[in-house]
Protein backbone atom coordinates (compact mmCIF):
# COMPACT_ATOMS: atom_id res chain seq x y z
CA MET A 1 11.89 -14.16 -45.99
CA GLU A 2 11.89 -11.72 -43.07
CA LEU A 3 11.00 -12.21 -39.43
CA ARG A 4 8.36 -9.49 -39.59
CA GLN A 5 6.62 -11.33 -42.44
CA LEU A 6 6.33 -14.39 -40.22
CA GLU A 7 4.98 -12.23 -37.38
CA TYR A 8 2.33 -10.77 -39.71
CA PHE A 9 1.47 -14.24 -41.00
CA ILE A 10 0.97 -15.51 -37.42
CA ALA A 11 -1.18 -12.48 -36.55
CA VAL A 12 -3.50 -13.00 -39.52
CA ALA A 13 -3.72 -16.74 -38.83
CA GLU A 14 -4.68 -16.16 -35.19
CA GLU A 15 -7.03 -13.22 -35.80
CA ARG A 16 -8.50 -14.73 -39.01
CA ASN A 17 -8.86 -11.19 -40.25
CA PHE A 18 -6.39 -8.83 -41.95
CA THR A 19 -7.83 -5.70 -40.31
CA ARG A 20 -7.57 -7.05 -36.76
CA ALA A 21 -4.11 -8.43 -37.50
CA ALA A 22 -2.99 -5.00 -38.72
CA GLU A 23 -4.25 -3.40 -35.50
CA ARG A 24 -2.41 -6.01 -33.48
CA VAL A 25 0.95 -5.44 -35.17
CA HIS A 26 0.41 -1.66 -35.42
CA ILE A 27 0.73 -1.18 -39.17
CA SER A 28 -1.78 -0.56 -41.95
CA GLN A 29 -3.90 -3.35 -43.40
CA SER A 30 -2.38 -2.74 -46.81
CA GLY A 31 1.07 -3.14 -45.29
CA VAL A 32 0.14 -6.50 -43.77
CA SER A 33 -1.44 -7.66 -47.04
CA ALA A 34 1.61 -6.65 -49.05
CA GLN A 35 4.02 -8.47 -46.76
CA ILE A 36 1.89 -11.62 -46.76
CA ARG A 37 1.71 -11.53 -50.56
CA GLN A 38 5.49 -11.20 -50.72
CA LEU A 39 5.90 -14.12 -48.33
CA GLU A 40 3.54 -16.23 -50.46
CA ARG A 41 5.56 -15.41 -53.58
CA GLU A 42 8.77 -16.46 -51.87
CA LEU A 43 7.22 -19.72 -50.68
CA GLY A 44 5.45 -20.38 -53.98
CA ALA A 45 2.09 -21.07 -52.36
CA GLU A 46 -0.92 -19.20 -51.04
CA LEU A 47 -1.13 -19.24 -47.25
CA PHE A 48 -4.71 -17.94 -46.90
CA ASP A 49 -8.03 -18.57 -48.58
CA ARG A 50 -9.37 -15.05 -49.09
CA SER A 51 -12.66 -16.02 -50.73
CA ALA A 52 -14.69 -15.86 -47.50
CA ARG A 53 -15.18 -13.01 -45.01
CA THR A 54 -12.56 -14.52 -42.73
CA ALA A 55 -8.97 -15.30 -43.66
CA THR A 56 -8.64 -19.07 -43.33
CA LEU A 57 -5.43 -21.02 -43.67
CA THR A 58 -4.84 -23.13 -46.75
CA VAL A 59 -3.20 -26.53 -46.44
CA ALA A 60 0.13 -24.83 -47.08
CA GLY A 61 -0.65 -22.19 -44.49
CA LYS A 62 -1.44 -24.80 -41.85
CA ALA A 63 1.82 -26.57 -42.62
CA ALA A 64 3.77 -23.31 -42.27
CA LEU A 65 2.14 -21.93 -39.11
CA GLU A 66 3.89 -23.96 -36.41
CA HIS A 67 7.26 -23.50 -38.12
CA ALA A 68 6.65 -19.75 -38.25
CA ARG A 69 5.81 -19.69 -34.54
CA THR A 70 8.95 -21.68 -33.75
CA ALA A 71 11.09 -19.27 -35.77
CA VAL A 72 9.63 -16.18 -34.09
CA THR A 73 9.99 -17.73 -30.63
CA ALA A 74 13.59 -18.70 -31.37
CA ALA A 75 14.38 -15.16 -32.51
CA GLY A 76 12.92 -13.79 -29.29
CA ALA A 77 14.99 -16.25 -27.25
CA VAL A 78 18.15 -15.03 -28.97
CA GLY A 79 17.37 -11.45 -28.00
CA GLN A 80 16.58 -12.47 -24.43
CA ALA A 81 19.79 -14.48 -24.10
CA VAL A 82 21.87 -11.55 -25.28
CA GLY A 83 19.92 -9.25 -22.99
CA GLU A 84 20.70 -11.44 -19.98
CA VAL A 85 24.41 -11.43 -20.81
CA THR A 86 24.40 -7.64 -21.12
CA ASP A 87 22.17 -7.24 -18.03
CA LEU A 88 19.37 -5.83 -20.21
CA ILE A 89 16.01 -7.48 -19.63
CA ARG A 90 13.31 -7.10 -22.26
CA GLY A 91 9.90 -8.56 -22.97
CA SER A 92 6.53 -8.17 -21.28
CA LEU A 93 4.92 -9.15 -17.99
CA THR A 94 1.26 -9.38 -17.06
CA ILE A 95 0.59 -8.68 -13.39
CA GLY A 96 -2.69 -9.64 -11.73
CA MET A 97 -4.16 -7.82 -8.75
CA VAL A 98 -7.26 -8.64 -6.75
CA VAL A 99 -10.10 -6.17 -7.37
CA GLY A 100 -10.10 -3.20 -5.00
CA CYS A 101 -6.56 -3.91 -3.78
CA THR A 102 -4.98 -1.13 -1.74
CA VAL A 103 -1.66 -2.80 -0.95
CA THR A 104 0.64 -0.07 -2.20
CA PRO A 105 3.94 -2.01 -1.90
CA LEU A 106 2.94 -3.83 -5.09
CA PHE A 107 2.89 -0.49 -6.90
CA ASP A 108 6.25 0.39 -5.32
CA ALA A 109 7.68 -2.88 -6.59
CA LEU A 110 6.36 -2.25 -10.11
CA ALA A 111 7.77 1.28 -10.13
CA ALA A 112 11.21 0.13 -8.96
CA PHE A 113 11.22 -2.68 -11.51
CA HIS A 114 10.23 -0.27 -14.31
CA ARG A 115 13.03 2.14 -13.41
CA ALA A 116 15.56 -0.69 -13.44
CA HIS A 117 14.22 -2.41 -16.57
CA PRO A 118 12.38 0.06 -18.82
CA GLY A 119 12.61 -2.42 -21.72
CA VAL A 120 9.97 -4.65 -20.13
CA GLU A 121 6.36 -3.79 -20.95
CA LEU A 122 4.11 -4.12 -17.88
CA SER A 123 0.38 -4.88 -18.02
CA LEU A 124 -1.81 -4.75 -14.91
CA LEU A 125 -5.23 -6.34 -14.65
CA GLU A 126 -7.78 -6.72 -11.85
CA ASP A 127 -10.02 -9.70 -11.16
CA ASN A 128 -11.18 -11.85 -8.28
CA SER A 129 -8.61 -14.12 -6.67
CA ASP A 130 -9.86 -17.42 -8.11
CA LYS A 131 -9.64 -16.14 -11.69
CA LEU A 132 -6.20 -14.64 -11.09
CA VAL A 133 -4.90 -17.94 -9.74
CA ASP A 134 -6.30 -19.73 -12.79
CA GLY A 135 -4.56 -17.17 -15.01
CA VAL A 136 -1.22 -17.80 -13.33
CA ARG A 137 -1.71 -21.56 -13.72
CA ASP A 138 -2.50 -21.34 -17.44
CA GLY A 139 0.31 -18.86 -18.11
CA THR A 140 -1.77 -15.85 -19.17
CA ILE A 141 -0.66 -14.02 -15.98
CA ASP A 142 2.96 -14.02 -14.84
CA LEU A 143 2.56 -12.89 -11.24
CA ALA A 144 -0.53 -12.07 -9.17
CA LEU A 145 -1.43 -10.61 -5.80
CA VAL A 146 -4.36 -12.67 -4.51
CA GLY A 147 -6.38 -13.47 -1.45
CA THR A 148 -6.25 -17.14 -0.51
CA ALA A 149 -7.16 -19.62 2.18
CA VAL A 150 -4.00 -21.69 1.73
CA ASP A 151 -0.32 -20.82 2.01
CA THR A 152 0.50 -22.09 -1.48
CA PRO A 153 -2.22 -22.70 -4.13
CA ALA A 154 -1.78 -26.05 -5.88
CA GLY A 155 0.79 -26.02 -8.67
CA LEU A 156 2.14 -22.57 -7.85
CA GLU A 157 4.81 -20.84 -5.79
CA ALA A 158 3.72 -18.22 -3.27
CA MET A 159 4.97 -15.56 -0.90
CA THR A 160 2.57 -14.65 1.90
CA ILE A 161 2.26 -10.90 2.39
CA VAL A 162 -0.43 -10.64 5.06
CA ARG A 163 -1.83 -13.30 7.40
CA ASP A 164 -5.06 -11.93 8.87
CA HIS A 165 -7.94 -13.12 11.04
CA LEU A 166 -11.59 -12.52 10.23
CA VAL A 167 -13.55 -9.99 12.26
CA ALA A 168 -17.13 -8.80 12.50
CA VAL A 169 -17.58 -5.06 12.02
CA VAL A 170 -20.71 -3.28 13.29
CA PRO A 171 -21.93 0.18 14.32
CA PRO A 172 -21.45 1.04 18.02
CA ASP A 173 -25.19 0.62 18.74
CA HIS A 174 -25.40 -2.89 17.23
CA PRO A 175 -26.12 -5.77 19.68
CA LEU A 176 -22.86 -7.53 18.77
CA ALA A 177 -20.88 -4.44 19.79
CA ALA A 178 -21.70 -5.20 23.43
CA THR A 179 -19.73 -8.48 23.39
CA PRO A 180 -15.90 -8.70 23.38
CA ARG A 181 -15.90 -11.37 20.66
CA VAL A 182 -18.42 -13.27 18.56
CA ARG A 183 -18.91 -16.77 17.20
CA LEU A 184 -20.00 -17.82 13.73
CA ALA A 185 -23.33 -19.08 15.04
CA GLU A 186 -24.05 -15.62 16.42
CA LEU A 187 -23.19 -14.02 13.09
CA ALA A 188 -25.57 -16.38 11.34
CA GLU A 189 -28.43 -14.76 13.24
CA HIS A 190 -27.84 -11.46 11.41
CA PRO A 191 -27.75 -10.42 7.75
CA LEU A 192 -24.13 -10.22 6.63
CA ILE A 193 -22.14 -8.02 4.26
CA CYS A 194 -19.26 -9.89 2.62
CA MET A 195 -16.80 -9.96 -0.22
CA PRO A 196 -18.16 -11.84 -3.26
CA PRO A 197 -17.39 -15.50 -4.03
CA GLY A 198 -14.01 -16.00 -5.66
CA THR A 199 -12.20 -13.69 -3.24
CA GLY A 200 -9.81 -15.07 -0.65
CA LEU A 201 -11.64 -13.51 2.26
CA ARG A 202 -14.97 -15.01 1.22
CA THR A 203 -13.38 -18.42 0.67
CA VAL A 204 -12.02 -18.43 4.21
CA PHE A 205 -15.38 -17.37 5.63
CA ASP A 206 -17.33 -19.95 3.62
CA LEU A 207 -14.95 -22.74 4.68
CA ALA A 208 -15.27 -21.74 8.34
CA CYS A 209 -19.08 -21.77 8.12
CA ALA A 210 -19.17 -25.08 6.25
CA ALA A 211 -16.97 -26.69 8.91
CA ARG A 212 -19.69 -25.87 11.44
CA GLU A 213 -22.57 -26.68 9.09
CA LEU A 214 -23.74 -23.07 9.16
CA ARG A 215 -25.50 -21.34 6.28
CA PRO A 216 -25.48 -17.62 7.14
CA ARG A 217 -27.59 -15.18 5.18
CA ILE A 218 -25.39 -13.00 2.98
CA GLY A 219 -27.54 -9.93 2.55
CA LEU A 220 -25.14 -7.77 0.54
CA GLN A 221 -21.84 -8.25 -1.28
CA ALA A 222 -19.21 -5.75 -2.37
CA GLY A 223 -15.74 -6.09 -3.82
CA ALA A 224 -14.10 -3.27 -1.86
CA ALA A 225 -13.63 -2.88 1.89
CA ASP A 226 -14.73 0.78 1.77
CA ALA A 227 -18.08 -0.20 0.27
CA ILE A 228 -18.61 -2.96 2.83
CA ALA A 229 -17.82 -0.56 5.69
CA ASP A 230 -20.16 2.12 4.31
CA LEU A 231 -23.00 -0.42 4.12
CA ALA A 232 -22.34 -1.55 7.70
CA VAL A 233 -22.32 2.04 8.96
CA ARG A 234 -25.83 2.41 7.56
CA GLY A 235 -27.04 -0.59 9.54
CA LEU A 236 -27.59 -2.86 6.55
CA GLY A 237 -25.82 -5.84 8.11
CA VAL A 238 -22.77 -7.15 9.92
CA ALA A 239 -19.62 -6.70 7.85
CA VAL A 240 -17.10 -9.52 7.63
CA LEU A 241 -13.60 -8.19 6.96
CA SER A 242 -10.01 -8.99 7.81
CA GLU A 243 -8.50 -7.47 10.94
CA SER A 244 -6.15 -5.20 9.00
CA MET A 245 -8.96 -4.00 6.73
CA ALA A 246 -11.21 -3.16 9.67
CA ALA A 247 -8.50 -1.05 11.31
CA ALA A 248 -9.25 1.75 8.83
CA TYR A 249 -12.82 2.19 10.08
CA THR A 250 -12.46 2.36 13.87
CA ASP A 251 -13.74 5.95 13.84
CA ARG A 252 -17.15 4.73 12.68
CA LEU A 253 -17.39 1.03 13.44
CA VAL A 254 -16.64 -1.47 16.20
CA THR A 255 -14.52 -4.53 15.43
CA ARG A 256 -15.12 -7.87 17.15
CA PRO A 257 -12.92 -10.98 16.60
CA ILE A 258 -14.66 -14.07 15.26
CA GLU A 259 -13.20 -16.55 17.71
CA ASP A 260 -14.07 -19.76 15.86
CA ALA A 261 -13.31 -18.60 12.32
CA GLY A 262 -10.39 -21.04 12.16
CA ILE A 263 -7.89 -20.54 9.34
CA PRO A 264 -6.67 -17.00 8.69
CA ALA A 265 -7.17 -15.12 5.44
CA LEU A 266 -3.96 -14.69 3.47
CA LEU A 267 -2.79 -12.15 0.93
CA ALA A 268 -0.04 -13.60 -1.23
CA LEU A 269 2.01 -13.14 -4.36
CA VAL A 270 1.70 -16.23 -6.55
CA TRP A 271 3.67 -17.29 -9.61
CA LYS A 272 4.41 -20.43 -11.59
CA ASN A 273 7.46 -19.97 -13.75
CA THR A 274 10.76 -18.37 -12.76
CA SER A 275 12.63 -19.29 -15.94
CA SER A 276 12.06 -15.74 -17.17
CA PRO A 277 14.69 -13.28 -15.91
CA ALA A 278 12.01 -10.57 -15.89
CA ILE A 279 9.86 -12.55 -13.44
CA ARG A 280 12.87 -13.26 -11.24
CA GLU A 281 13.72 -9.57 -11.14
CA LEU A 282 10.13 -8.54 -10.36
CA LEU A 283 10.04 -11.06 -7.51
CA ARG A 284 13.25 -9.58 -6.15
CA HIS A 285 11.76 -6.08 -6.18
CA SER A 286 8.52 -7.40 -4.67
CA ARG A 287 10.31 -9.07 -1.77
CA ARG A 288 12.09 -5.81 -1.09
CA ALA A 289 8.88 -3.75 -1.26
CA PHE A 290 6.87 -6.06 1.00
CA THR A 291 9.06 -5.66 4.06
CA GLY A 292 6.35 -3.67 5.84
CA GLU A 293 2.75 -4.55 6.52
CA GLY A 294 0.14 -3.83 3.86
CA ARG A 295 -3.56 -3.34 4.27
CA MET A 296 -5.37 -6.38 2.95
CA ASN A 297 -8.28 -5.95 0.55
CA ALA A 298 -8.83 -9.35 -0.99
């Protein structure tokens, strides 16, 4: 019995299909089938019922699956333990990033980490902040850069990168441009252009409005600050952005503080588990990279 046979067995059991399992483990379908057949001969029992279109586990297969997973996990732990002793970190990390993010220190941290630990496979995915936080909680994402209304989301660890206040952004000829600052009730009198629900910036804005029992009219939504600014330039509404975001558009738009917006919008790195040496190392590189201020787009 070989470790790779157990890996192929697990892949077929989880995919319920020999073709998809072969794609997952990067060998031919015939190769997977041959190794599973050999494993079945060694065990003296069929592991899959092949009579249907999907590969379903037999009673013997169900009994073997958890033991196979345990064996594969244990083998991986052995490699990781040796790697830690020899200062060689291996494995994989999934990094989450809020859609439209332009905070380049995260990319600097990933590049520095990759140079130091090329044996770790990095995956990067984009989504809105709420979904990224859920992914970190359920373990499908190891570390994420998110927008949030709280310093530390429940059940997670966090490192705040940017703490920003909300501002209204309008063309120079807009009525709100004539006042030094605005209130939420004044904003509610105009159509607004905001980030979509699920983003940290929108959560902060919605909480501020709810605290004052305001229901502003969100005319347009966009996931990137550039798109929101372009819509505001064209007079389609008052843009709601963070102060650091708005700083990029002072050549075209006027920024006015929202004086009663309350809590600031935060951009933060969040994680759950630091038992992995790879995560600990990536956090170390991230702390080093985020020594300067980044532009928030969350």
